[in-house]
């Protein structure tokens, strides 16, 4: 599995522990993967939230590329109901974050 860096992998393991449903549920697994990104994780875990994607998604400031990853996570977790602009992502992400995008799609598809 691709991870942006070692912190991403460590954070992912922590998220799986916190949300054990992610071991069998692709939506939870992809949410854990996106939230584990080092530029998202600290902001998303500053306090305990009732839901995996909660008010922190709107209360925190993110760069445009990271905001697109958060939107991607919400889109893949919520069954596609959250707005996400793929072309903005392709035009914004560096190689590492584009690889996170591809891995997130594979997780949601059930390939990872």
Protein backbone atom coordinates (compact mmCIF):
# COMPACT_ATOMS: atom_id res chain seq x y z
CA UNK A 1 0.00 0.00 0.00
CA UNK A 2 1.22 3.50 -0.78
CA UNK A 3 1.75 5.96 2.08
CA UNK A 4 2.79 9.59 1.67
CA UNK A 5 5.46 9.04 4.32
CA UNK A 6 6.11 6.95 7.44
CA UNK A 7 3.89 9.22 9.56
CA UNK A 8 0.99 8.50 7.19
CA UNK A 9 1.43 4.77 7.74
CA UNK A 10 1.68 5.15 11.53
CA UNK A 11 -1.38 7.42 11.59
CA UNK A 12 -3.29 4.93 9.44
CA UNK A 13 -2.59 2.16 11.95
CA UNK A 14 -3.83 4.43 14.73
CA UNK A 15 -7.00 5.24 12.81
CA UNK A 16 -7.70 1.55 12.19
CA UNK A 17 -7.37 0.92 15.93
CA UNK A 18 -9.79 3.75 16.65
CA UNK A 19 -12.27 2.66 13.95
CA UNK A 20 -12.06 -1.16 13.79
CA UNK A 21 -14.92 -1.23 11.27
CA UNK A 22 -12.26 -0.14 8.75
CA UNK A 23 -10.89 -3.69 8.79
CA UNK A 24 -13.96 -4.88 6.87
CA UNK A 25 -15.71 -1.72 5.60
CA UNK A 26 -14.16 -0.01 2.55
CA UNK A 27 -15.80 3.34 3.30
CA UNK A 28 -14.32 3.46 6.79
CA UNK A 29 -10.98 2.18 5.51
CA UNK A 30 -10.67 4.93 2.88
CA UNK A 31 -11.74 7.54 5.45
CA UNK A 32 -9.02 6.31 7.83
CA UNK A 33 -6.48 6.39 5.00
CA UNK A 34 -7.27 9.99 3.99
CA UNK A 35 -7.48 11.29 7.57
CA UNK A 36 -4.15 9.59 8.37
CA UNK A 37 -2.36 11.88 5.89
CA UNK A 38 0.14 13.84 8.01
CA UNK A 39 -1.23 17.22 6.91
CA UNK A 40 -4.76 16.18 7.92
CA UNK A 41 -4.28 13.87 10.91
CA UNK A 42 -3.24 16.41 13.56
CA UNK A 43 -6.09 18.76 12.68
CA UNK A 44 -8.64 15.95 12.52
CA UNK A 45 -7.62 14.47 15.87
CA UNK A 46 -7.27 17.62 18.00
CA UNK A 47 -10.40 16.52 19.83
CA UNK A 48 -12.79 13.58 19.89
CA UNK A 49 -15.48 13.71 17.24
CA UNK A 50 -18.61 11.61 17.14
CA UNK A 51 -18.18 10.70 13.47
CA UNK A 52 -15.04 9.97 11.49
CA UNK A 53 -15.76 13.01 9.29
CA UNK A 54 -17.26 15.66 11.50
CA UNK A 55 -17.16 19.42 12.10
CA UNK A 56 -13.36 19.45 11.91
CA UNK A 57 -13.64 19.25 8.12
CA UNK A 58 -15.11 22.75 8.05
CA UNK A 59 -13.41 24.23 11.12
CA UNK A 60 -9.83 23.63 10.04
CA UNK A 61 -7.83 25.49 7.41
CA UNK A 62 -6.09 23.37 4.78
CA UNK A 63 -4.07 24.18 1.68
CA UNK A 64 -6.04 23.77 -1.54
CA UNK A 65 -4.44 20.40 -2.31
CA UNK A 66 -5.10 19.01 1.15
CA UNK A 67 -8.67 20.40 1.09
CA UNK A 68 -9.16 18.41 -2.12
CA UNK A 69 -7.98 15.25 -0.32
CA UNK A 70 -10.45 15.93 2.51
CA UNK A 71 -13.20 16.42 -0.10
CA UNK A 72 -12.11 13.18 -1.78
CA UNK A 73 -12.34 11.37 1.54
CA UNK A 74 -15.82 12.75 2.18
CA UNK A 75 -16.86 11.80 -1.36
CA UNK A 76 -15.59 8.22 -1.13
CA UNK A 77 -16.84 7.74 2.43
CA UNK A 78 -20.27 9.23 1.89
CA UNK A 79 -21.22 7.27 -1.18
CA UNK A 80 -20.44 10.10 -3.58
CA UNK A 81 -22.84 12.65 -2.12
CA UNK A 82 -20.10 15.14 -1.17
CA UNK A 83 -18.88 17.39 -3.97
CA UNK A 84 -15.38 16.65 -5.28
CA UNK A 85 -13.66 18.14 -8.33
CA UNK A 86 -11.27 15.60 -9.84
CA UNK A 87 -9.80 18.02 -12.38
CA UNK A 88 -8.88 20.46 -9.59
CA UNK A 89 -7.09 17.62 -7.82
CA UNK A 90 -5.19 16.52 -10.91
CA UNK A 91 -4.10 20.09 -11.52
CA UNK A 92 -3.12 20.75 -7.90
CA UNK A 93 -1.59 17.63 -6.35
CA UNK A 94 2.10 16.85 -6.37
CA UNK A 95 3.22 13.30 -7.18
CA UNK A 96 2.88 12.16 -3.56
CA UNK A 97 -0.66 13.43 -3.09
CA UNK A 98 -1.70 12.17 -6.52
CA UNK A 99 -0.45 8.75 -5.39
CA UNK A 100 -2.58 9.13 -2.23
CA UNK A 101 -5.56 9.79 -4.52
CA UNK A 102 -4.88 6.64 -6.55
CA UNK A 103 -4.44 4.52 -3.42
CA UNK A 104 -7.67 5.90 -1.94
CA UNK A 105 -9.53 4.84 -5.09
CA UNK A 106 -8.06 1.35 -4.84
CA UNK A 107 -9.06 1.11 -1.18
CA UNK A 108 -12.62 2.16 -1.97
CA UNK A 109 -12.74 -0.29 -4.87
CA UNK A 110 -11.71 -3.06 -2.47
CA UNK A 111 -8.31 -3.68 -4.06
CA UNK A 112 -6.27 -2.65 -1.02
